[in-house]
Amino acid sequence: MLRPKIPTMPTPAGLVTPPAVIEPTTVVQHQPTPAPAPAASTRPTVQLTPGAVLALVGAGTTVVLVVGAVLVSMLLAVAITGASVAVCAVVLRSLLASDAKRR
């Protein structure tokens, strides 16, 4: 059977210094300072009017429709290109096969 070789730790050579003695330190606990009270916000609140909500909904719908149309057109372009390449490959294969039969 195969036995794995286990590396052995080499023994240190030369002068070996003993580890330094670490003295314990004292822990001093202090009282945490209270957090400052939050300041009142000076930003005005945003209030949407019914016209603004309608404009946002219309803009969102327009963005979704435009992005969808672009993605669908890209998909169709890839599909048409792939189909045309496939048709060209079939025609070339047919031409090469008929040329080989004539010889």
PDB file of N, CA and C in Angstrom:
ATOM      1  N   MET A   1       0.833  -1.187   0.000  1.00  0.00           N
ATOM      2  CA  MET A   1       0.000   0.000   0.000  1.00  0.00           C
ATOM      3  C   MET A   1       0.874   1.246   0.000  1.00  0.00           C
ATOM      4  N   LEU A   2       0.278   2.296  -0.454  1.00  0.00           N
ATOM      5  CA  LEU A   2       0.998   3.564  -0.457  1.00  0.00           C
ATOM      6  C   LEU A   2       0.838   4.243   0.891  1.00  0.00           C
ATOM      7  N   ARG A   3       1.922   4.732   1.384  1.00  0.00           N
ATOM      8  CA  ARG A   3       1.881   5.458   2.658  1.00  0.00           C
ATOM      9  C   ARG A   3       2.301   6.897   2.404  1.00  0.00           C
ATOM     10  N   PRO A   4       1.508   7.833   2.870  1.00  0.00           N
ATOM     11  CA  PRO A   4       1.894   9.234   2.649  1.00  0.00           C
ATOM     12  C   PRO A   4       3.076   9.614   3.520  1.00  0.00           C
ATOM     13  N   LYS A   5       3.914  10.478   2.967  1.00  0.00           N
ATOM     14  CA  LYS A   5       5.061  10.974   3.740  1.00  0.00           C
ATOM     15  C   LYS A   5       4.603  12.167   4.554  1.00  0.00           C
ATOM     16  N   ILE A   6       4.752  12.083   5.837  1.00  0.00           N
ATOM     17  CA  ILE A   6       4.369  13.166   6.725  1.00  0.00           C
ATOM     18  C   ILE A   6       5.623  13.955   7.058  1.00  0.00           C
ATOM     19  N   PRO A   7       5.624  15.241   6.767  1.00  0.00           N
ATOM     20  CA  PRO A   7       6.819  16.028   7.072  1.00  0.00           C
ATOM     21  C   PRO A   7       6.997  16.178   8.581  1.00  0.00           C
ATOM     22  N   THR A   8       8.229  16.159   8.996  1.00  0.00           N
ATOM     23  CA  THR A   8       8.532  16.337  10.425  1.00  0.00           C
ATOM     24  C   THR A   8       9.013  17.751  10.647  1.00  0.00           C
ATOM     25  N   MET A   9       8.680  18.289  11.795  1.00  0.00           N
ATOM     26  CA  MET A   9       9.120  19.642  12.131  1.00  0.00           C
ATOM     27  C   MET A   9      10.597  19.603  12.503  1.00  0.00           C
ATOM     28  N   PRO A  10      11.385  20.437  11.869  1.00  0.00           N
ATOM     29  CA  PRO A  10      12.809  20.458  12.247  1.00  0.00           C
ATOM     30  C   PRO A  10      12.971  21.106  13.618  1.00  0.00           C
ATOM     31  N   THR A  11      13.958  20.635  14.347  1.00  0.00           N
ATOM     32  CA  THR A  11      14.231  21.227  15.659  1.00  0.00           C
ATOM     33  C   THR A  11      14.973  22.528  15.454  1.00  0.00           C
ATOM     34  N   PRO A  12      14.686  23.536  16.278  1.00  0.00           N
ATOM     35  CA  PRO A  12      15.371  24.817  16.106  1.00  0.00           C
ATOM     36  C   PRO A  12      16.854  24.683  16.417  1.00  0.00           C
ATOM     37  N   ALA A  13      17.642  25.369  15.640  1.00  0.00           N
ATOM     38  CA  ALA A  13      19.087  25.354  15.830  1.00  0.00           C
ATOM     39  C   ALA A  13      19.529  26.736  16.287  1.00  0.00           C
ATOM     40  N   GLY A  14      20.591  26.789  17.054  1.00  0.00           N
ATOM     41  CA  GLY A  14      21.127  28.058  17.500  1.00  0.00           C
ATOM     42  C   GLY A  14      20.551  28.451  18.844  1.00  0.00           C
ATOM     43  N   LEU A  15      20.673  29.745  19.143  1.00  0.00           N
ATOM     44  CA  LEU A  15      20.195  30.245  20.427  1.00  0.00           C
ATOM     45  C   LEU A  15      18.681  30.387  20.402  1.00  0.00           C
ATOM     46  N   VAL A  16      18.062  29.886  21.442  1.00  0.00           N
ATOM     47  CA  VAL A  16      16.625  30.004  21.564  1.00  0.00           C
ATOM     48  C   VAL A  16      16.337  30.843  22.788  1.00  0.00           C
ATOM     49  N   THR A  17      15.603  31.941  22.600  1.00  0.00           N
ATOM     50  CA  THR A  17      15.288  32.802  23.734  1.00  0.00           C
ATOM     51  C   THR A  17      13.943  32.377  24.306  1.00  0.00           C
ATOM     52  N   PRO A  18      13.812  32.392  25.611  1.00  0.00           N
ATOM     53  CA  PRO A  18      12.528  32.027  26.205  1.00  0.00           C
ATOM     54  C   PRO A  18      11.483  33.104  25.884  1.00  0.00           C
ATOM     55  N   PRO A  19      10.229  32.743  25.887  1.00  0.00           N
ATOM     56  CA  PRO A  19       9.211  33.749  25.579  1.00  0.00           C
ATOM     57  C   PRO A  19       9.150  34.830  26.646  1.00  0.00           C
ATOM     58  N   ALA A  20       8.802  36.035  26.214  1.00  0.00           N
ATOM     59  CA  ALA A  20       8.726  37.165  27.136  1.00  0.00           C
ATOM     60  C   ALA A  20       7.533  36.977  28.075  1.00  0.00           C
ATOM     61  N   VAL A  21       7.710  37.447  29.288  1.00  0.00           N
ATOM     62  CA  VAL A  21       6.644  37.346  30.278  1.00  0.00           C
ATOM     63  C   VAL A  21       5.682  38.517  30.063  1.00  0.00           C
ATOM     64  N   ILE A  22       4.422  38.199  29.959  1.00  0.00           N
ATOM     65  CA  ILE A  22       3.411  39.224  29.750  1.00  0.00           C
ATOM     66  C   ILE A  22       2.675  39.432  31.058  1.00  0.00           C
ATOM     67  N   GLU A  23       2.702  40.679  31.517  1.00  0.00           N
ATOM     68  CA  GLU A  23       2.033  40.997  32.775  1.00  0.00           C
ATOM     69  C   GLU A  23       0.594  41.408  32.487  1.00  0.00           C
ATOM     70  N   PRO A  24      -0.328  40.990  33.341  1.00  0.00           N
ATOM     71  CA  PRO A  24      -1.723  41.373  33.109  1.00  0.00           C
ATOM     72  C   PRO A  24      -1.916  42.875  33.314  1.00  0.00           C
ATOM     73  N   THR A  25      -2.813  43.430  32.550  1.00  0.00           N
ATOM     74  CA  THR A  25      -3.122  44.853  32.679  1.00  0.00           C
ATOM     75  C   THR A  25      -4.471  44.995  33.361  1.00  0.00           C
ATOM     76  N   THR A  26      -4.655  46.121  33.971  1.00  0.00           N
ATOM     77  CA  THR A  26      -5.933  46.353  34.644  1.00  0.00           C
ATOM     78  C   THR A  26      -6.924  46.952  33.662  1.00  0.00           C
ATOM     79  N   VAL A  27      -8.170  46.573  33.819  1.00  0.00           N
ATOM     80  CA  VAL A  27      -9.229  47.075  32.955  1.00  0.00           C
ATOM     81  C   VAL A  27      -9.998  48.141  33.718  1.00  0.00           C
ATOM     82  N   VAL A  28     -10.052  49.331  33.129  1.00  0.00           N
ATOM     83  CA  VAL A  28     -10.769  50.435  33.760  1.00  0.00           C
ATOM     84  C   VAL A  28     -12.052  50.652  32.974  1.00  0.00           C
ATOM     85  N   GLN A  29     -13.176  50.558  33.674  1.00  0.00           N
ATOM     86  CA  GLN A  29     -14.447  50.778  33.002  1.00  0.00           C
ATOM     87  C   GLN A  29     -14.885  52.215  33.247  1.00  0.00           C
ATOM     88  N   HIS A  30     -15.450  52.817  32.228  1.00  0.00           N
ATOM     89  CA  HIS A  30     -15.922  54.190  32.365  1.00  0.00           C
ATOM     90  C   HIS A  30     -17.386  54.244  31.954  1.00  0.00           C
ATOM     91  N   GLN A  31     -18.033  55.268  32.379  1.00  0.00           N
ATOM     92  CA  GLN A  31     -19.440  55.438  32.054  1.00  0.00           C
ATOM     93  C   GLN A  31     -19.547  56.005  30.639  1.00  0.00           C
ATOM     94  N   PRO A  32     -20.387  55.400  29.791  1.00  0.00           N
ATOM     95  CA  PRO A  32     -20.515  55.941  28.431  1.00  0.00           C
ATOM     96  C   PRO A  32     -21.240  57.278  28.450  1.00  0.00           C
ATOM     97  N   THR A  33     -20.818  58.141  27.558  1.00  0.00           N
ATOM     98  CA  THR A  33     -21.466  59.449  27.478  1.00  0.00           C
ATOM     99  C   THR A  33     -22.791  59.292  26.770  1.00  0.00           C
ATOM    100  N   PRO A  34     -23.822  59.988  27.210  1.00  0.00           N
ATOM    101  CA  PRO A  34     -25.125  59.846  26.556  1.00  0.00           C
ATOM    102  C   PRO A  34     -25.067  60.403  25.129  1.00  0.00           C
ATOM    103  N   ALA A  35     -25.813  59.754  24.239  1.00  0.00           N
ATOM    104  CA  ALA A  35     -25.841  60.189  22.848  1.00  0.00           C
ATOM    105  C   ALA A  35     -26.604  61.507  22.756  1.00  0.00           C
ATOM    106  N   PRO A  36     -26.129  62.395  21.879  1.00  0.00           N
ATOM    107  CA  PRO A  36     -26.833  63.674  21.748  1.00  0.00           C
ATOM    108  C   PRO A  36     -28.216  63.451  21.122  1.00  0.00           C
ATOM    109  N   ALA A  37     -29.128  64.302  21.491  1.00  0.00           N
ATOM    110  CA  ALA A  37     -30.488  64.199  20.964  1.00  0.00           C
ATOM    111  C   ALA A  37     -30.473  64.536  19.479  1.00  0.00           C
ATOM    112  N   PRO A  38     -31.230  63.780  18.643  1.00  0.00           N
ATOM    113  CA  PRO A  38     -31.223  64.072  17.206  1.00  0.00           C
ATOM    114  C   PRO A  38     -31.858  65.425  16.917  1.00  0.00           C
ATOM    115  N   ALA A  39     -31.217  66.133  16.020  1.00  0.00           N
ATOM    116  CA  ALA A  39     -31.715  67.465  15.653  1.00  0.00           C
ATOM    117  C   ALA A  39     -32.896  67.320  14.711  1.00  0.00           C
ATOM    118  N   ALA A  40     -33.760  68.287  14.735  1.00  0.00           N
ATOM    119  CA  ALA A  40     -34.921  68.275  13.847  1.00  0.00           C
ATOM    120  C   ALA A  40     -34.454  68.442  12.407  1.00  0.00           C
ATOM    121  N   SER A  41     -35.052  67.678  11.506  1.00  0.00           N
ATOM    122  CA  SER A  41     -34.666  67.739  10.101  1.00  0.00           C
ATOM    123  C   SER A  41     -35.136  69.061   9.498  1.00  0.00           C
ATOM    124  N   THR A  42     -34.224  69.684   8.752  1.00  0.00           N
ATOM    125  CA  THR A  42     -34.564  70.952   8.117  1.00  0.00           C
ATOM    126  C   THR A  42     -34.974  70.748   6.670  1.00  0.00           C
ATOM    127  N   ARG A  43     -34.941  69.481   6.189  1.00  0.00           N
ATOM    128  CA  ARG A  43     -35.339  69.215   4.805  1.00  0.00           C
ATOM    129  C   ARG A  43     -36.849  69.266   4.688  1.00  0.00           C
ATOM    130  N   PRO A  44     -37.336  69.893   3.654  1.00  0.00           N
ATOM    131  CA  PRO A  44     -38.796  69.921   3.476  1.00  0.00           C
ATOM    132  C   PRO A  44     -39.284  68.556   2.995  1.00  0.00           C
ATOM    133  N   THR A  45     -40.471  68.186   3.385  1.00  0.00           N
ATOM    134  CA  THR A  45     -41.041  66.926   2.929  1.00  0.00           C
ATOM    135  C   THR A  45     -41.537  67.083   1.501  1.00  0.00           C
ATOM    136  N   VAL A  46     -41.449  66.000   0.736  1.00  0.00           N
ATOM    137  CA  VAL A  46     -41.875  66.037  -0.657  1.00  0.00           C
ATOM    138  C   VAL A  46     -43.356  65.700  -0.715  1.00  0.00           C
ATOM    139  N   GLN A  47     -44.111  66.551  -1.320  1.00  0.00           N
ATOM    140  CA  GLN A  47     -45.532  66.316  -1.463  1.00  0.00           C
ATOM    141  C   GLN A  47     -45.851  66.212  -2.947  1.00  0.00           C
ATOM    142  N   LEU A  48     -46.407  65.064  -3.330  1.00  0.00           N
ATOM    143  CA  LEU A  48     -46.730  64.838  -4.729  1.00  0.00           C
ATOM    144  C   LEU A  48     -48.183  65.210  -4.992  1.00  0.00           C
ATOM    145  N   THR A  49     -48.349  65.969  -6.019  1.00  0.00           N
ATOM    146  CA  THR A  49     -49.704  66.321  -6.435  1.00  0.00           C
ATOM    147  C   THR A  49     -50.229  65.218  -7.350  1.00  0.00           C
ATOM    148  N   PRO A  50     -51.524  65.134  -7.553  1.00  0.00           N
ATOM    149  CA  PRO A  50     -52.056  64.117  -8.466  1.00  0.00           C
ATOM    150  C   PRO A  50     -51.483  64.229  -9.882  1.00  0.00           C
ATOM    151  N   GLY A  51     -51.208  65.426 -10.321  1.00  0.00           N
ATOM    152  CA  GLY A  51     -50.606  65.603 -11.647  1.00  0.00           C
ATOM    153  C   GLY A  51     -49.193  65.042 -11.709  1.00  0.00           C
ATOM    154  N   ALA A  52     -48.414  65.229 -10.632  1.00  0.00           N
ATOM    155  CA  ALA A  52     -47.046  64.720 -10.593  1.00  0.00           C
ATOM    156  C   ALA A  52     -47.042  63.188 -10.564  1.00  0.00           C
ATOM    157  N   VAL A  53     -47.988  62.597  -9.819  1.00  0.00           N
ATOM    158  CA  VAL A  53     -48.079  61.135  -9.771  1.00  0.00           C
ATOM    159  C   VAL A  53     -48.429  60.597 -11.151  1.00  0.00           C
ATOM    160  N   LEU A  54     -49.354  61.251 -11.826  1.00  0.00           N
ATOM    161  CA  LEU A  54     -49.746  60.825 -13.166  1.00  0.00           C
ATOM    162  C   LEU A  54     -48.573  60.942 -14.145  1.00  0.00           C
ATOM    163  N   ALA A  55     -47.783  62.000 -14.006  1.00  0.00           N
ATOM    164  CA  ALA A  55     -46.617  62.177 -14.874  1.00  0.00           C
ATOM    165  C   ALA A  55     -45.574  61.094 -14.608  1.00  0.00           C
ATOM    166  N   LEU A  56     -45.361  60.748 -13.349  1.00  0.00           N
ATOM    167  CA  LEU A  56     -44.400  59.694 -13.020  1.00  0.00           C
ATOM    168  C   LEU A  56     -44.848  58.345 -13.566  1.00  0.00           C
ATOM    169  N   VAL A  57     -46.118  58.034 -13.437  1.00  0.00           N
ATOM    170  CA  VAL A  57     -46.636  56.766 -13.958  1.00  0.00           C
ATOM    171  C   VAL A  57     -46.497  56.721 -15.476  1.00  0.00           C
ATOM    172  N   GLY A  58     -46.811  57.824 -16.134  1.00  0.00           N
ATOM    173  CA  GLY A  58     -46.682  57.881 -17.591  1.00  0.00           C
ATOM    174  C   GLY A  58     -45.243  57.727 -18.041  1.00  0.00           C
ATOM    175  N   ALA A  59     -44.318  58.382 -17.343  1.00  0.00           N
ATOM    176  CA  ALA A  59     -42.903  58.276 -17.702  1.00  0.00           C
ATOM    177  C   ALA A  59     -42.395  56.854 -17.488  1.00  0.00           C
ATOM    178  N   GLY A  60     -42.803  56.229 -16.393  1.00  0.00           N
ATOM    179  CA  GLY A  60     -42.384  54.850 -16.133  1.00  0.00           C
ATOM    180  C   GLY A  60     -42.908  53.889 -17.182  1.00  0.00           C
ATOM    181  N   THR A  61     -44.167  54.075 -17.579  1.00  0.00           N
ATOM    182  CA  THR A  61     -44.755  53.224 -18.615  1.00  0.00           C
ATOM    183  C   THR A  61     -44.031  53.408 -19.941  1.00  0.00           C
ATOM    184  N   THR A  62     -43.712  54.639 -20.268  1.00  0.00           N
ATOM    185  CA  THR A  62     -43.002  54.923 -21.513  1.00  0.00           C
ATOM    186  C   THR A  62     -41.628  54.262 -21.521  1.00  0.00           C
ATOM    187  N   VAL A  63     -40.912  54.346 -20.412  1.00  0.00           N
ATOM    188  CA  VAL A  63     -39.580  53.736 -20.325  1.00  0.00           C
ATOM    189  C   VAL A  63     -39.680  52.221 -20.500  1.00  0.00           C
ATOM    190  N   VAL A  64     -40.654  51.598 -19.843  1.00  0.00           N
ATOM    191  CA  VAL A  64     -40.813  50.147 -19.959  1.00  0.00           C
ATOM    192  C   VAL A  64     -41.133  49.749 -21.394  1.00  0.00           C
ATOM    193  N   LEU A  65     -42.013  50.479 -22.054  1.00  0.00           N
ATOM    194  CA  LEU A  65     -42.377  50.150 -23.438  1.00  0.00           C
ATOM    195  C   LEU A  65     -41.198  50.338 -24.395  1.00  0.00           C
ATOM    196  N   VAL A  66     -40.421  51.400 -24.218  1.00  0.00           N
ATOM    197  CA  VAL A  66     -39.278  51.642 -25.108  1.00  0.00           C
ATOM    198  C   VAL A  66     -38.215  50.570 -24.915  1.00  0.00           C
ATOM    199  N   VAL A  67     -37.896  50.244 -23.667  1.00  0.00           N
ATOM    200  CA  VAL A  67     -36.878  49.216 -23.406  1.00  0.00           C
ATOM    201  C   VAL A  67     -37.355  47.872 -23.951  1.00  0.00           C
ATOM    202  N   GLY A  68     -38.637  47.551 -23.774  1.00  0.00           N
ATOM    203  CA  GLY A  68     -39.166  46.296 -24.306  1.00  0.00           C
ATOM    204  C   GLY A  68     -39.080  46.239 -25.811  1.00  0.00           C
ATOM    205  N   ALA A  69     -39.410  47.339 -26.486  1.00  0.00           N
ATOM    206  CA  ALA A  69     -39.344  47.360 -27.952  1.00  0.00           C
ATOM    207  C   ALA A  69     -37.905  47.182 -28.438  1.00  0.00           C
ATOM    208  N   VAL A  70     -36.967  47.808 -27.760  1.00  0.00           N
ATOM    209  CA  VAL A  70     -35.559  47.671 -28.158  1.00  0.00           C
ATOM    210  C   VAL A  70     -35.093  46.233 -27.976  1.00  0.00           C
ATOM    211  N   LEU A  71     -35.449  45.616 -26.853  1.00  0.00           N
ATOM    212  CA  LEU A  71     -35.022  44.236 -26.619  1.00  0.00           C
ATOM    213  C   LEU A  71     -35.652  43.266 -27.615  1.00  0.00           C
ATOM    214  N   VAL A  72     -36.921  43.459 -27.930  1.00  0.00           N
ATOM    215  CA  VAL A  72     -37.581  42.582 -28.899  1.00  0.00           C
ATOM    216  C   VAL A  72     -36.969  42.760 -30.281  1.00  0.00           C
ATOM    217  N   SER A  73     -36.661  43.981 -30.662  1.00  0.00           N
ATOM    218  CA  SER A  73     -36.058  44.199 -31.979  1.00  0.00           C
ATOM    219  C   SER A  73     -34.666  43.570 -32.058  1.00  0.00           C
ATOM    220  N   MET A  74     -33.914  43.637 -30.965  1.00  0.00           N
ATOM    221  CA  MET A  74     -32.592  42.992 -30.954  1.00  0.00           C
ATOM    222  C   MET A  74     -32.739  41.479 -31.065  1.00  0.00           C
ATOM    223  N   LEU A  75     -33.717  40.917 -30.374  1.00  0.00           N
ATOM    224  CA  LEU A  75     -33.947  39.471 -30.441  1.00  0.00           C
ATOM    225  C   LEU A  75     -34.335  39.051 -31.855  1.00  0.00           C
ATOM    226  N   LEU A  76     -35.215  39.824 -32.491  1.00  0.00           N
ATOM    227  CA  LEU A  76     -35.609  39.501 -33.862  1.00  0.00           C
ATOM    228  C   LEU A  76     -34.442  39.635 -34.834  1.00  0.00           C
ATOM    229  N   ALA A  77     -33.597  40.634 -34.628  1.00  0.00           N
ATOM    230  CA  ALA A  77     -32.436  40.805 -35.505  1.00  0.00           C
ATOM    231  C   ALA A  77     -31.505  39.608 -35.400  1.00  0.00           C
ATOM    232  N   VAL A  78     -31.296  39.121 -34.198  1.00  0.00           N
ATOM    233  CA  VAL A  78     -30.431  37.954 -34.010  1.00  0.00           C
ATOM    234  C   VAL A  78     -31.073  36.726 -34.634  1.00  0.00           C
ATOM    235  N   ALA A  79     -32.393  36.572 -34.472  1.00  0.00           N
ATOM    236  CA  ALA A  79     -33.081  35.411 -35.027  1.00  0.00           C
ATOM    237  C   ALA A  79     -33.049  35.429 -36.553  1.00  0.00           C
ATOM    238  N   ILE A  80     -33.280  36.600 -37.152  1.00  0.00           N
ATOM    239  CA  ILE A  80     -33.275  36.698 -38.614  1.00  0.00           C
ATOM    240  C   ILE A  80     -31.870  36.456 -39.151  1.00  0.00           C
ATOM    241  N   THR A  81     -30.867  37.004 -38.480  1.00  0.00           N
ATOM    242  CA  THR A  81     -29.485  36.804 -38.920  1.00  0.00           C
ATOM    243  C   THR A  81     -29.119  35.329 -38.832  1.00  0.00           C
ATOM    244  N   GLY A  82     -29.508  34.689 -37.736  1.00  0.00           N
ATOM    245  CA  GLY A  82     -29.218  33.269 -37.588  1.00  0.00           C
ATOM    246  C   GLY A  82     -29.912  32.439 -38.637  1.00  0.00           C
ATOM    247  N   ALA A  83     -31.165  32.788 -38.953  1.00  0.00           N
ATOM    248  CA  ALA A  83     -31.907  32.041 -39.971  1.00  0.00           C
ATOM    249  C   ALA A  83     -31.281  32.228 -41.345  1.00  0.00           C
ATOM    250  N   SER A  84     -30.844  33.448 -41.651  1.00  0.00           N
ATOM    251  CA  SER A  84     -30.250  33.691 -42.967  1.00  0.00           C
ATOM    252  C   SER A  84     -28.906  32.967 -43.086  1.00  0.00           C
ATOM    253  N   VAL A  85     -28.147  32.905 -42.028  1.00  0.00           N
ATOM    254  CA  VAL A  85     -26.883  32.166 -42.064  1.00  0.00           C
ATOM    255  C   VAL A  85     -27.162  30.681 -42.254  1.00  0.00           C
ATOM    256  N   ALA A  86     -28.224  30.179 -41.614  1.00  0.00           N
ATOM    257  CA  ALA A  86     -28.571  28.774 -41.773  1.00  0.00           C
ATOM    258  C   ALA A  86     -28.999  28.476 -43.207  1.00  0.00           C
ATOM    259  N   VAL A  87     -29.775  29.371 -43.817  1.00  0.00           N
ATOM    260  CA  VAL A  87     -30.192  29.179 -45.207  1.00  0.00           C
ATOM    261  C   VAL A  87     -28.990  29.196 -46.139  1.00  0.00           C
ATOM    262  N   CYS A  88     -28.062  30.119 -45.911  1.00  0.00           N
ATOM    263  CA  CYS A  88     -26.842  30.172 -46.733  1.00  0.00           C
ATOM    264  C   CYS A  88     -26.040  28.889 -46.597  1.00  0.00           C
ATOM    265  N   ALA A  89     -25.959  28.354 -45.382  1.00  0.00           N
ATOM    266  CA  ALA A  89     -25.210  27.117 -45.165  1.00  0.00           C
ATOM    267  C   ALA A  89     -25.859  25.952 -45.907  1.00  0.00           C
ATOM    268  N   VAL A  90     -27.188  25.888 -45.901  1.00  0.00           N
ATOM    269  CA  VAL A  90     -27.881  24.796 -46.602  1.00  0.00           C
ATOM    270  C   VAL A  90     -27.674  24.915 -48.112  1.00  0.00           C
ATOM    271  N   VAL A  91     -27.753  26.130 -48.646  1.00  0.00           N
ATOM    272  CA  VAL A  91     -27.551  26.331 -50.085  1.00  0.00           C
ATOM    273  C   VAL A  91     -26.129  25.957 -50.483  1.00  0.00           C
ATOM    274  N   LEU A  92     -25.147  26.400 -49.714  1.00  0.00           N
ATOM    275  CA  LEU A  92     -23.752  26.059 -50.027  1.00  0.00           C
ATOM    276  C   LEU A  92     -23.528  24.560 -49.948  1.00  0.00           C
ATOM    277  N   ARG A  93     -24.110  23.925 -48.962  1.00  0.00           N
ATOM    278  CA  ARG A  93     -23.959  22.473 -48.823  1.00  0.00           C
ATOM    279  C   ARG A  93     -24.565  21.756 -50.028  1.00  0.00           C
ATOM    280  N   SER A  94     -25.713  22.241 -50.463  1.00  0.00           N
ATOM    281  CA  SER A  94     -26.354  21.639 -51.634  1.00  0.00           C
ATOM    282  C   SER A  94     -25.519  21.832 -52.889  1.00  0.00           C
ATOM    283  N   LEU A  95     -24.977  23.026 -53.057  1.00  0.00           N
ATOM    284  CA  LEU A  95     -24.141  23.293 -54.235  1.00  0.00           C
ATOM    285  C   LEU A  95     -22.877  22.435 -54.220  1.00  0.00           C
ATOM    286  N   LEU A  96     -22.258  22.333 -53.066  1.00  0.00           N
ATOM    287  CA  LEU A  96     -21.040  21.522 -52.980  1.00  0.00           C
ATOM    288  C   LEU A  96     -21.350  20.053 -53.185  1.00  0.00           C
ATOM    289  N   ALA A  97     -22.472  19.573 -52.684  1.00  0.00           N
ATOM    290  CA  ALA A  97     -22.817  18.166 -52.845  1.00  0.00           C
ATOM    291  C   ALA A  97     -23.139  17.859 -54.309  1.00  0.00           C
ATOM    292  N   SER A  98     -23.846  18.765 -55.008  1.00  0.00           N
ATOM    293  CA  SER A  98     -24.167  18.526 -56.414  1.00  0.00           C
ATOM    294  C   SER A  98     -22.917  18.621 -57.274  1.00  0.00           C
ATOM    295  N   ASP A  99     -21.973  19.490 -56.916  1.00  0.00           N
ATOM    296  CA  ASP A  99     -20.721  19.599 -57.656  1.00  0.00           C
ATOM    297  C   ASP A  99     -19.907  18.336 -57.472  1.00  0.00           C
ATOM    298  N   ALA A 100     -19.924  17.740 -56.295  1.00  0.00           N
ATOM    299  CA  ALA A 100     -19.166  16.522 -56.044  1.00  0.00           C
ATOM    300  C   ALA A 100     -19.775  15.342 -56.790  1.00  0.00           C
ATOM    301  N   LYS A 101     -21.085  15.319 -57.007  1.00  0.00           N
ATOM    302  CA  LYS A 101     -21.737  14.228 -57.719  1.00  0.00           C
ATOM    303  C   LYS A 101     -21.427  14.272 -59.218  1.00  0.00           C
ATOM    304  N   ARG A 102     -21.187  15.457 -59.760  1.00  0.00           N
ATOM    305  CA  ARG A 102     -20.911  15.587 -61.192  1.00  0.00           C
ATOM    306  C   ARG A 102     -19.559  15.023 -61.563  1.00  0.00           C
ATOM    307  N   ARG A 103     -18.645  15.019 -60.669  1.00  0.00           N
ATOM    308  CA  ARG A 103     -17.280  14.580 -60.994  1.00  0.00           C
ATOM    309  C   ARG A 103     -17.162  13.125 -61.084  1.00  0.00           C
TER     310      ARG A 103
END
